[in-house]
Protein backbone atom coordinates (compact mmCIF):
# COMPACT_ATOMS: atom_id res chain seq x y z
CA UNK A 1 -38.46 -10.24 4.81
CA UNK A 2 -40.89 -10.84 7.70
CA UNK A 3 -41.32 -8.10 10.30
CA UNK A 4 -39.24 -5.70 8.22
CA UNK A 5 -35.98 -7.53 8.92
CA UNK A 6 -33.22 -7.41 6.35
CA UNK A 7 -31.14 -10.52 5.84
CA UNK A 8 -27.36 -10.08 5.72
CA UNK A 9 -25.20 -12.47 3.69
CA UNK A 10 -22.85 -14.51 5.84
CA UNK A 11 -19.25 -14.41 4.57
CA UNK A 12 -17.63 -17.75 3.81
CA UNK A 13 -14.01 -18.02 4.90
CA UNK A 14 -11.84 -20.72 3.40
CA UNK A 15 -9.18 -22.74 5.16
CA UNK A 16 -6.09 -20.97 6.46
CA UNK A 17 -2.97 -21.63 4.37
CA UNK A 18 0.57 -20.85 5.53
CA UNK A 19 2.73 -19.01 2.99
CA UNK A 20 5.78 -18.56 5.25
CA UNK A 21 6.93 -20.68 8.21
CA UNK A 22 9.27 -17.98 9.50
CA UNK A 23 8.50 -14.93 11.62
CA UNK A 24 6.86 -12.49 9.20
CA UNK A 25 6.41 -8.72 9.51
CA UNK A 26 5.37 -5.78 7.32
CA UNK A 27 3.02 -7.81 5.13
CA UNK A 28 1.44 -6.19 2.06
CA UNK A 29 -0.41 -7.67 -0.91
CA UNK A 30 -1.99 -6.89 -4.27
CA UNK A 31 -3.93 -8.62 -7.04
CA UNK A 32 -2.35 -9.01 -10.50
CA UNK A 33 -5.28 -8.94 -12.94
CA UNK A 34 -3.18 -10.04 -15.94
CA UNK A 35 -2.06 -13.30 -14.32
CA UNK A 36 -5.03 -13.68 -11.92
CA UNK A 37 -2.63 -14.08 -9.01
CA UNK A 38 -2.28 -12.65 -5.53
CA UNK A 39 1.20 -11.32 -4.75
CA UNK A 40 2.39 -10.89 -1.16
CA UNK A 41 5.50 -9.01 0.00
CA UNK A 42 6.82 -9.35 3.55
CA UNK A 43 9.92 -9.46 5.73
CA UNK A 44 11.10 -12.83 7.02
CA UNK A 45 12.65 -12.05 10.40
CA UNK A 46 13.70 -15.70 10.70
CA UNK A 47 15.88 -15.46 7.56
CA UNK A 48 18.26 -12.50 7.99
CA UNK A 49 15.37 -9.99 7.78
CA UNK A 50 15.02 -10.57 4.04
CA UNK A 51 12.18 -9.04 2.07
CA UNK A 52 10.41 -11.88 0.26
CA UNK A 53 7.70 -12.17 -2.38
CA UNK A 54 5.31 -15.08 -2.85
CA UNK A 55 2.59 -15.67 -5.47
CA UNK A 56 -0.79 -17.13 -4.55
CA UNK A 57 -3.41 -18.79 -6.76
CA UNK A 58 -7.09 -18.80 -5.78
CA UNK A 59 -9.22 -21.65 -7.15
CA UNK A 60 -12.36 -23.43 -5.92
CA UNK A 61 -12.50 -21.37 -2.74
CA UNK A 62 -8.91 -22.16 -1.71
CA UNK A 63 -5.49 -20.56 -2.13
CA UNK A 64 -2.14 -22.18 -2.87
CA UNK A 65 1.30 -20.58 -2.94
CA UNK A 66 4.46 -20.93 -4.97
CA UNK A 67 7.98 -20.83 -3.54
CA UNK A 68 8.89 -17.50 -1.88
CA UNK A 69 11.36 -15.37 -3.81
CA UNK A 70 14.19 -13.79 -1.80
CA UNK A 71 14.92 -10.10 -2.34
CA UNK A 72 17.29 -8.62 0.27
CA UNK A 73 17.29 -7.36 3.87
CA UNK A 74 14.82 -4.53 4.44
CA UNK A 75 11.81 -3.04 6.22
CA UNK A 76 8.38 -1.52 5.60
CA UNK A 77 7.00 -3.16 2.45
CA UNK A 78 4.19 -1.85 0.28
CA UNK A 79 2.99 -3.31 -3.02
CA UNK A 80 0.75 -2.40 -5.96
CA UNK A 81 -0.17 -3.70 -9.40
CA UNK A 82 0.31 -1.37 -12.37
CA UNK A 83 -2.52 -2.32 -14.75
CA UNK A 84 -1.06 -0.25 -17.58
CA UNK A 85 2.37 -1.91 -17.55
CA UNK A 86 1.14 -5.27 -16.18
CA UNK A 87 3.86 -5.15 -13.54
CA UNK A 88 3.97 -5.50 -9.76
CA UNK A 89 5.89 -2.85 -7.83
CA UNK A 90 7.29 -3.46 -4.35
CA UNK A 91 8.58 -0.61 -2.16
CA UNK A 92 10.72 -1.04 0.93
CA UNK A 93 13.55 0.38 3.02
CA UNK A 94 16.84 -1.16 1.89
CA UNK A 95 19.10 -2.06 4.82
CA UNK A 96 22.32 -2.15 2.80
CA UNK A 97 22.14 1.46 1.60
CA UNK A 98 19.52 3.15 3.82
CA UNK A 99 17.57 4.05 0.67
CA UNK A 100 13.90 3.79 -0.13
CA UNK A 101 13.68 1.62 -3.25
CA UNK A 102 11.04 0.38 -5.69
CA UNK A 103 11.44 -2.96 -7.44
CA UNK A 104 9.44 -3.91 -10.53
CA UNK A 105 8.45 -7.54 -11.12
CA UNK A 106 6.62 -9.57 -13.74
CA UNK A 107 4.45 -12.44 -12.55
CA UNK A 108 4.63 -15.71 -14.49
CA UNK A 109 2.80 -18.72 -13.12
CA UNK A 110 3.70 -18.89 -9.44
CA UNK A 111 7.02 -17.07 -9.87
CA UNK A 112 8.17 -13.49 -10.21
CA UNK A 113 11.00 -12.19 -12.38
CA UNK A 114 12.91 -9.07 -11.40
CA UNK A 115 12.77 -6.19 -13.90
CA UNK A 116 14.41 -3.12 -12.37
CA UNK A 117 15.21 -1.30 -9.12
CA UNK A 118 14.85 2.46 -8.64
CA UNK A 119 15.73 4.61 -5.63
CA UNK A 120 12.86 6.94 -4.75
CA UNK A 121 14.45 8.28 -1.55
CA UNK A 122 18.16 8.61 -0.84
CA UNK A 123 17.42 9.34 2.83
CA UNK A 124 16.04 6.91 5.41
CA UNK A 125 12.33 6.18 5.07
CA UNK A 126 9.80 4.69 7.44
CA UNK A 127 6.39 3.27 6.64
CA UNK A 128 5.21 3.72 3.07
CA UNK A 129 2.27 3.04 0.77
CA UNK A 130 1.64 2.75 -2.96
CA UNK A 131 -1.39 2.69 -5.25
CA UNK A 132 -2.12 2.82 -8.98
CA UNK A 133 -3.92 5.79 -10.56
CA UNK A 134 -5.83 4.22 -13.46
CA UNK A 135 -6.81 7.58 -14.94
CA UNK A 136 -3.26 8.88 -15.24
CA UNK A 137 -1.70 5.40 -15.58
CA UNK A 138 0.74 6.34 -12.84
CA UNK A 139 1.90 4.89 -9.55
CA UNK A 140 1.51 7.08 -6.46
CA UNK A 141 3.87 6.44 -3.57
CA UNK A 142 3.80 8.02 -0.12
CA UNK A 143 6.52 7.49 2.44
CA UNK A 144 7.46 8.76 5.85
CA UNK A 145 10.81 10.50 6.36
CA UNK A 146 11.53 10.36 10.11
CA UNK A 147 14.48 12.75 9.80
CA UNK A 148 12.32 15.76 8.92
CA UNK A 149 8.98 14.50 10.25
CA UNK A 150 7.19 14.60 6.90
CA UNK A 151 5.33 12.37 4.48
CA UNK A 152 6.62 12.63 0.92
CA UNK A 153 4.59 11.85 -2.20
CA UNK A 154 5.96 11.02 -5.67
CA UNK A 155 4.50 9.92 -9.00
CA UNK A 156 6.05 6.90 -10.69
CA UNK A 157 5.90 5.88 -14.36
CA UNK A 158 6.78 2.47 -15.78
CA UNK A 159 7.95 2.54 -19.39
CA UNK A 160 9.23 -0.76 -20.73
CA UNK A 161 11.60 -1.96 -18.04
CA UNK A 162 12.24 1.49 -16.54
CA UNK A 163 10.61 3.12 -13.52
CA UNK A 164 11.04 6.88 -13.12
CA UNK A 165 9.72 9.33 -10.54
CA UNK A 166 8.59 12.94 -10.66
CA UNK A 167 9.21 15.73 -8.16
CA UNK A 168 8.64 15.34 -4.42
CA UNK A 169 5.59 16.81 -2.66
CA UNK A 170 5.37 16.72 1.13
CA UNK A 171 3.10 17.28 4.12
CA UNK A 172 3.84 17.34 7.86
CA UNK A 173 3.21 14.22 9.94
CA UNK A 174 4.35 12.76 13.27
CA UNK A 175 6.61 9.79 12.64
CA UNK A 176 5.99 6.16 13.45
CA UNK A 177 2.52 5.65 12.00
CA UNK A 178 1.35 3.67 9.01
CA UNK A 179 -0.01 5.44 5.93
CA UNK A 180 -3.25 4.82 4.08
CA UNK A 181 -3.19 5.51 0.34
CA UNK A 182 -6.07 4.68 -2.00
CA UNK A 183 -7.16 5.71 -5.49
CA UNK A 184 -10.74 6.94 -5.89
CA UNK A 185 -11.81 5.96 -9.42
CA UNK A 186 -14.95 8.13 -9.25
CA UNK A 187 -13.10 11.35 -8.38
CA UNK A 188 -9.91 10.38 -10.26
CA UNK A 189 -7.96 11.39 -7.17
CA UNK A 190 -5.88 9.60 -4.55
CA UNK A 191 -6.62 9.94 -0.84
CA UNK A 192 -3.70 10.05 1.60
CA UNK A 193 -4.56 9.16 5.21
CA UNK A 194 -2.09 9.51 8.08
CA UNK A 195 -1.40 10.62 11.65
CA UNK A 196 -0.87 14.38 11.69
CA UNK A 197 -0.79 17.29 14.12
CA UNK A 198 -1.69 16.35 17.73
CA UNK A 199 -1.56 12.71 16.53
CA UNK A 200 -5.07 13.16 15.06
CA UNK A 201 -6.21 11.37 11.93
CA UNK A 202 -5.78 13.45 8.77
CA UNK A 203 -6.68 12.94 5.12
CA UNK A 204 -5.56 14.90 2.07
CA UNK A 205 -6.46 14.61 -1.61
CA UNK A 206 -3.61 14.01 -4.08
CA UNK A 207 -3.98 15.25 -7.64
CA UNK A 208 -1.70 14.16 -10.49
CA UNK A 209 -0.61 16.27 -13.44
CA UNK A 210 1.90 14.54 -15.68
CA UNK A 211 4.59 13.28 -13.31
CA UNK A 212 3.84 15.77 -10.54
CA UNK A 213 1.71 15.22 -7.45
CA UNK A 214 0.04 18.02 -5.52
CA UNK A 215 -1.36 17.55 -2.02
CA UNK A 216 -4.57 19.36 -1.11
CA UNK A 217 -5.33 20.96 2.26
CA UNK A 218 -5.39 18.20 4.93
CA UNK A 219 -8.66 17.63 6.80
CA UNK A 220 -9.08 15.99 10.21
CA UNK A 221 -11.16 12.82 10.01
CA UNK A 222 -11.01 12.14 13.76
CA UNK A 223 -9.83 14.28 16.70
CA UNK A 224 -8.11 11.57 18.72
CA UNK A 225 -4.75 9.83 18.76
CA UNK A 226 -4.62 7.28 15.93
CA UNK A 227 -2.17 4.71 14.60
CA UNK A 228 -2.14 1.94 12.00
CA UNK A 229 -4.14 3.91 9.46
CA UNK A 230 -5.37 2.19 6.28
CA UNK A 231 -7.93 2.91 3.57
CA UNK A 232 -9.88 1.07 0.87
CA UNK A 233 -12.12 2.25 -1.99
CA UNK A 234 -15.71 0.96 -2.40
CA UNK A 235 -16.45 1.07 -6.15
CA UNK A 236 -20.14 0.28 -5.63
CA UNK A 237 -20.80 3.33 -3.47
CA UNK A 238 -17.94 5.54 -4.71
CA UNK A 239 -16.73 6.05 -1.17
CA UNK A 240 -13.50 5.47 0.72
CA UNK A 241 -13.41 3.67 4.05
CA UNK A 242 -10.66 4.87 6.40
CA UNK A 243 -9.79 2.58 9.30
CA UNK A 244 -7.42 3.01 12.22
CA UNK A 245 -6.47 1.75 15.66
CA UNK A 246 -7.69 3.90 18.55
CA UNK A 247 -4.81 4.63 20.93
CA UNK A 248 -7.21 5.01 23.85
CA UNK A 249 -8.35 1.37 23.90
CA UNK A 250 -6.66 -0.35 20.89
CA UNK A 251 -10.06 -0.85 19.25
CA UNK A 252 -10.40 -0.66 15.50
CA UNK A 253 -12.52 2.18 14.13
CA UNK A 254 -13.62 3.36 10.71
CA UNK A 255 -15.19 6.31 8.93
CA UNK A 256 -16.51 6.87 5.41
CA UNK A 257 -14.90 9.61 3.32
CA UNK A 258 -16.19 11.24 0.13
CA UNK A 259 -14.03 13.19 -2.31
């Protein structure tokens, strides 16, 4: 372009569409490639704190939603699509039993049908995250256990209508912070991002062998107090973007990570 300037495409944002009229919290979402649908999990604080699931359809630059599906009272949702089993998996803290549970669903049209529920933690959990490892065809879940101030990691396998988990791996972490978990398709590894020692931002590489996860040596990605950590993989550049909220001024910040 003239004078050496580089033009930047301007993003086009469609109209805002409401998927829940109640007071929502702990929102997570994934894309189901088999049904070409967006699936959102959340807690409806205006309806007895129920976890709910709703299916969205994108067409002609707009999104429409089906009727929300009620699950049960809970906290801390996370969601992922298993491309091997063509199932959606929702994790959350179950109020009735104080367990951490995973629920498997099949998407059909704008509805979901419940397949199975599996307990992945029989002790109270906090925030959690889930992603799909397309190399191993496994689900990776990470969840905070406030009672012992750790983050646990487990490998999940869907076979038919069953979901099973391997052994627990763990790393130390201050409680009360969200967890970033993302699969790097170039390195065939998963990156775990969290608030660690001194409340600094930490990242650790997760390797999968069979149904077992191993956590590599954590590295500090920023030496400041962080919260609300998240991560996303850029398949064009084979890099991971880690983002977080700076405790010093509540600004959002990001850094690029390479495995």
